[in-house]
Amino acid sequence: MALREITTPATTTTLMMASVTHNAGESVLIMLRAGSVNEDGIFVPSTSPGPPMMCCVDDANYVELMSASPSWAPNKPAGTFREEDLWQFVAR
């Protein structure tokens, strides 16, 4: 079998949080959709088949998410989170 290595330019994919389910005291489940943003600033989902990506924030990550003043959100009160806080855990 012959192999060939091809270098392709990097592409940018935009992720959108399609849903967030908070199981209080346990975890946060995040469903992500991949796509791009068109010239009008509207998210356009990818046409590639397949299920959405899932991310679960649990255990030590859940404790950090629900903590007061983590390093990535110094003014955040304990017991709460904002949607933008969840990106810290999607990227991990």
N, C-alpha and C. Protein backbone atom coordinates (compact mmCIF):
# COMPACT_ATOMS: atom_id res chain seq x y z
N MET A 1 0.84 -1.17 0.00
CA MET A 1 0.00 0.00 0.00
C MET A 1 0.89 1.24 0.00
N ALA A 2 0.60 2.14 -0.86
CA ALA A 2 1.35 3.39 -0.94
C ALA A 2 0.69 4.44 -0.05
N LEU A 3 1.51 5.17 0.66
CA LEU A 3 1.02 6.24 1.53
C LEU A 3 1.51 7.58 1.02
N ARG A 4 0.72 8.56 1.23
CA ARG A 4 1.09 9.91 0.83
C ARG A 4 0.67 10.86 1.92
N GLU A 5 1.56 11.75 2.28
CA GLU A 5 1.26 12.76 3.30
C GLU A 5 0.92 14.06 2.60
N ILE A 6 -0.24 14.62 2.98
CA ILE A 6 -0.69 15.87 2.38
C ILE A 6 -0.90 16.88 3.50
N THR A 7 -0.38 18.07 3.31
CA THR A 7 -0.58 19.13 4.28
C THR A 7 -1.72 20.01 3.79
N THR A 8 -2.70 20.20 4.66
CA THR A 8 -3.84 21.05 4.32
C THR A 8 -3.85 22.25 5.26
N PRO A 9 -4.34 23.38 4.79
CA PRO A 9 -4.39 24.55 5.67
C PRO A 9 -5.35 24.31 6.84
N ALA A 10 -5.04 24.92 7.94
CA ALA A 10 -5.89 24.80 9.13
C ALA A 10 -7.25 25.44 8.86
N THR A 11 -8.28 24.85 9.41
CA THR A 11 -9.61 25.43 9.28
C THR A 11 -10.09 25.85 10.66
N THR A 12 -10.95 26.82 10.68
CA THR A 12 -11.51 27.29 11.94
C THR A 12 -12.92 26.74 12.07
N THR A 13 -13.19 26.11 13.19
CA THR A 13 -14.52 25.60 13.48
C THR A 13 -15.07 26.36 14.66
N THR A 14 -16.31 26.75 14.57
CA THR A 14 -16.98 27.45 15.66
C THR A 14 -17.85 26.45 16.40
N LEU A 15 -17.79 26.47 17.71
CA LEU A 15 -18.65 25.61 18.52
C LEU A 15 -19.75 26.45 19.14
N MET A 16 -20.95 25.89 19.18
CA MET A 16 -22.09 26.54 19.80
C MET A 16 -22.64 25.61 20.87
N MET A 17 -22.96 26.14 22.03
CA MET A 17 -23.61 25.34 23.07
C MET A 17 -25.07 25.21 22.68
N ALA A 18 -25.46 24.01 22.25
CA ALA A 18 -26.84 23.76 21.83
C ALA A 18 -27.74 23.56 23.04
N SER A 19 -27.20 22.94 24.09
CA SER A 19 -27.98 22.79 25.32
C SER A 19 -27.05 22.60 26.50
N VAL A 20 -27.52 23.00 27.66
CA VAL A 20 -26.80 22.86 28.91
C VAL A 20 -27.77 22.28 29.93
N THR A 21 -27.41 21.13 30.51
CA THR A 21 -28.25 20.49 31.51
C THR A 21 -27.49 20.44 32.83
N HIS A 22 -28.02 21.11 33.85
CA HIS A 22 -27.38 21.15 35.16
C HIS A 22 -28.06 20.14 36.09
N ASN A 23 -27.33 19.13 36.48
CA ASN A 23 -27.78 18.18 37.49
C ASN A 23 -27.21 18.67 38.81
N ALA A 24 -27.98 19.51 39.50
CA ALA A 24 -27.50 20.22 40.69
C ALA A 24 -26.80 19.29 41.68
N GLY A 25 -25.62 19.73 42.11
CA GLY A 25 -24.83 18.98 43.07
C GLY A 25 -24.02 17.85 42.46
N GLU A 26 -24.14 17.64 41.15
CA GLU A 26 -23.44 16.51 40.51
C GLU A 26 -22.63 16.88 39.28
N SER A 27 -23.29 17.47 38.28
CA SER A 27 -22.61 17.68 37.01
C SER A 27 -23.36 18.67 36.12
N VAL A 28 -22.67 19.07 35.06
CA VAL A 28 -23.28 19.87 34.00
C VAL A 28 -22.95 19.18 32.69
N LEU A 29 -23.97 18.88 31.89
CA LEU A 29 -23.79 18.23 30.60
C LEU A 29 -24.00 19.28 29.51
N ILE A 30 -23.02 19.39 28.62
CA ILE A 30 -23.06 20.41 27.57
C ILE A 30 -23.10 19.70 26.22
N MET A 31 -24.08 20.04 25.39
CA MET A 31 -24.15 19.52 24.03
C MET A 31 -23.66 20.62 23.10
N LEU A 32 -22.65 20.30 22.28
CA LEU A 32 -22.03 21.28 21.39
C LEU A 32 -22.31 20.92 19.93
N ARG A 33 -22.51 21.93 19.13
CA ARG A 33 -22.66 21.77 17.69
C ARG A 33 -21.50 22.49 17.02
N ALA A 34 -20.92 21.87 16.00
CA ALA A 34 -19.84 22.49 15.23
C ALA A 34 -20.43 23.17 14.00
N GLY A 35 -19.78 24.22 13.57
CA GLY A 35 -20.23 24.93 12.39
C GLY A 35 -19.33 26.11 12.10
N SER A 36 -19.91 27.11 11.50
CA SER A 36 -19.17 28.33 11.17
C SER A 36 -20.13 29.51 11.30
N VAL A 37 -19.57 30.69 11.25
CA VAL A 37 -20.37 31.91 11.33
C VAL A 37 -20.31 32.56 9.95
N ASN A 38 -21.48 32.82 9.36
CA ASN A 38 -21.50 33.41 8.02
C ASN A 38 -21.23 34.92 8.07
N GLU A 39 -21.24 35.55 6.91
CA GLU A 39 -20.92 36.98 6.83
C GLU A 39 -21.92 37.87 7.55
N ASP A 40 -23.11 37.34 7.85
CA ASP A 40 -24.12 38.10 8.60
C ASP A 40 -24.01 37.86 10.10
N GLY A 41 -23.00 37.06 10.52
CA GLY A 41 -22.82 36.79 11.94
C GLY A 41 -23.74 35.71 12.48
N ILE A 42 -24.33 34.92 11.59
CA ILE A 42 -25.26 33.86 12.00
C ILE A 42 -24.54 32.53 12.01
N PHE A 43 -24.75 31.76 13.06
CA PHE A 43 -24.14 30.43 13.18
C PHE A 43 -24.79 29.49 12.17
N VAL A 44 -23.95 28.80 11.40
CA VAL A 44 -24.43 27.84 10.41
C VAL A 44 -23.88 26.47 10.82
N PRO A 45 -24.77 25.54 11.24
CA PRO A 45 -24.30 24.22 11.66
C PRO A 45 -23.58 23.49 10.54
N SER A 46 -22.61 22.67 10.91
CA SER A 46 -21.89 21.84 9.95
C SER A 46 -22.86 20.87 9.28
N THR A 47 -22.61 20.60 8.01
CA THR A 47 -23.44 19.64 7.29
C THR A 47 -22.90 18.22 7.41
N SER A 48 -21.77 18.06 8.10
CA SER A 48 -21.21 16.73 8.29
C SER A 48 -22.14 15.90 9.16
N PRO A 49 -22.36 14.65 8.75
CA PRO A 49 -23.22 13.80 9.56
C PRO A 49 -22.53 13.41 10.87
N GLY A 50 -23.30 13.02 11.81
CA GLY A 50 -22.73 12.58 13.08
C GLY A 50 -23.42 13.25 14.24
N PRO A 51 -23.26 12.66 15.40
CA PRO A 51 -23.91 13.21 16.59
C PRO A 51 -23.22 14.47 17.07
N PRO A 52 -23.91 15.26 17.87
CA PRO A 52 -23.26 16.44 18.45
C PRO A 52 -22.19 16.00 19.44
N MET A 53 -21.28 16.91 19.74
CA MET A 53 -20.25 16.64 20.74
C MET A 53 -20.84 16.86 22.12
N MET A 54 -20.43 16.06 23.07
CA MET A 54 -20.92 16.19 24.44
C MET A 54 -19.72 16.43 25.36
N CYS A 55 -19.94 17.22 26.38
CA CYS A 55 -18.92 17.49 27.38
C CYS A 55 -19.60 17.42 28.75
N CYS A 56 -19.02 16.68 29.66
CA CYS A 56 -19.59 16.57 31.01
C CYS A 56 -18.62 17.19 32.01
N VAL A 57 -19.10 18.15 32.77
CA VAL A 57 -18.32 18.77 33.83
C VAL A 57 -18.75 18.10 35.13
N ASP A 58 -17.86 17.28 35.68
CA ASP A 58 -18.21 16.56 36.91
C ASP A 58 -16.99 16.44 37.82
N ASP A 59 -17.17 15.80 38.95
CA ASP A 59 -16.10 15.55 39.92
C ASP A 59 -15.37 16.85 40.27
N ALA A 60 -14.04 16.84 40.20
CA ALA A 60 -13.25 18.02 40.60
C ALA A 60 -13.55 19.23 39.72
N ASN A 61 -13.84 18.99 38.44
CA ASN A 61 -14.18 20.11 37.56
C ASN A 61 -15.50 20.77 37.97
N TYR A 62 -16.46 19.97 38.40
CA TYR A 62 -17.74 20.51 38.85
C TYR A 62 -17.53 21.34 40.12
N VAL A 63 -16.71 20.85 41.02
CA VAL A 63 -16.41 21.60 42.26
C VAL A 63 -15.78 22.94 41.90
N GLU A 64 -14.84 22.93 40.95
CA GLU A 64 -14.21 24.18 40.52
C GLU A 64 -15.23 25.11 39.87
N LEU A 65 -16.09 24.57 39.01
CA LEU A 65 -17.11 25.39 38.34
C LEU A 65 -18.02 26.08 39.35
N MET A 66 -18.38 25.39 40.40
CA MET A 66 -19.32 25.93 41.38
C MET A 66 -18.63 26.73 42.50
N SER A 67 -17.31 26.82 42.46
CA SER A 67 -16.58 27.52 43.52
C SER A 67 -16.65 29.03 43.37
N ALA A 68 -16.30 29.71 44.44
CA ALA A 68 -16.24 31.18 44.42
C ALA A 68 -14.88 31.62 43.89
N SER A 69 -14.90 32.61 43.03
CA SER A 69 -13.69 33.29 42.54
C SER A 69 -12.60 32.37 42.01
N PRO A 70 -12.90 31.48 41.06
CA PRO A 70 -11.81 30.71 40.46
C PRO A 70 -10.89 31.65 39.67
N SER A 71 -9.70 31.21 39.32
CA SER A 71 -8.72 32.08 38.65
C SER A 71 -9.26 32.63 37.33
N TRP A 72 -10.12 31.91 36.65
CA TRP A 72 -10.64 32.34 35.36
C TRP A 72 -11.88 33.23 35.48
N ALA A 73 -12.41 33.41 36.69
CA ALA A 73 -13.55 34.32 36.92
C ALA A 73 -13.49 34.83 38.36
N PRO A 74 -12.58 35.75 38.63
CA PRO A 74 -12.30 36.17 40.01
C PRO A 74 -13.48 36.76 40.79
N ASN A 75 -14.51 37.23 40.13
CA ASN A 75 -15.65 37.83 40.84
C ASN A 75 -16.88 36.94 40.89
N LYS A 76 -16.74 35.69 40.46
CA LYS A 76 -17.88 34.78 40.40
C LYS A 76 -18.25 34.30 41.81
N PRO A 77 -19.53 34.38 42.17
CA PRO A 77 -19.94 33.87 43.48
C PRO A 77 -20.04 32.34 43.47
N ALA A 78 -19.95 31.75 44.63
CA ALA A 78 -20.07 30.29 44.77
C ALA A 78 -21.49 29.85 44.43
N GLY A 79 -21.60 28.63 43.91
CA GLY A 79 -22.91 28.03 43.66
C GLY A 79 -23.58 28.47 42.38
N THR A 80 -22.89 29.24 41.56
CA THR A 80 -23.47 29.72 40.31
C THR A 80 -22.46 29.54 39.18
N PHE A 81 -22.97 29.59 37.95
CA PHE A 81 -22.08 29.66 36.80
C PHE A 81 -22.82 30.34 35.66
N ARG A 82 -22.04 30.92 34.77
CA ARG A 82 -22.59 31.54 33.56
C ARG A 82 -22.21 30.66 32.39
N GLU A 83 -22.92 30.80 31.30
CA GLU A 83 -22.60 29.99 30.13
C GLU A 83 -21.14 30.16 29.72
N GLU A 84 -20.63 31.39 29.77
CA GLU A 84 -19.23 31.60 29.37
C GLU A 84 -18.24 30.88 30.29
N ASP A 85 -18.63 30.61 31.53
CA ASP A 85 -17.75 29.85 32.45
C ASP A 85 -17.53 28.43 31.96
N LEU A 86 -18.51 27.88 31.26
CA LEU A 86 -18.42 26.49 30.81
C LEU A 86 -17.34 26.27 29.77
N TRP A 87 -16.98 27.30 29.01
CA TRP A 87 -15.94 27.15 28.00
C TRP A 87 -14.61 26.74 28.62
N GLN A 88 -14.37 27.11 29.88
CA GLN A 88 -13.14 26.70 30.56
C GLN A 88 -13.00 25.18 30.57
N PHE A 89 -14.11 24.48 30.62
CA PHE A 89 -14.10 23.03 30.75
C PHE A 89 -14.25 22.32 29.41
N VAL A 90 -14.84 22.98 28.45
CA VAL A 90 -14.93 22.41 27.10
C VAL A 90 -13.54 22.32 26.50
N ALA A 91 -12.71 23.30 26.77
CA ALA A 91 -11.36 23.36 26.20
C ALA A 91 -10.39 22.38 26.86
N ARG A 92 -10.77 21.77 27.96
CA ARG A 92 -9.84 20.88 28.68
C ARG A 92 -9.78 19.52 28.07
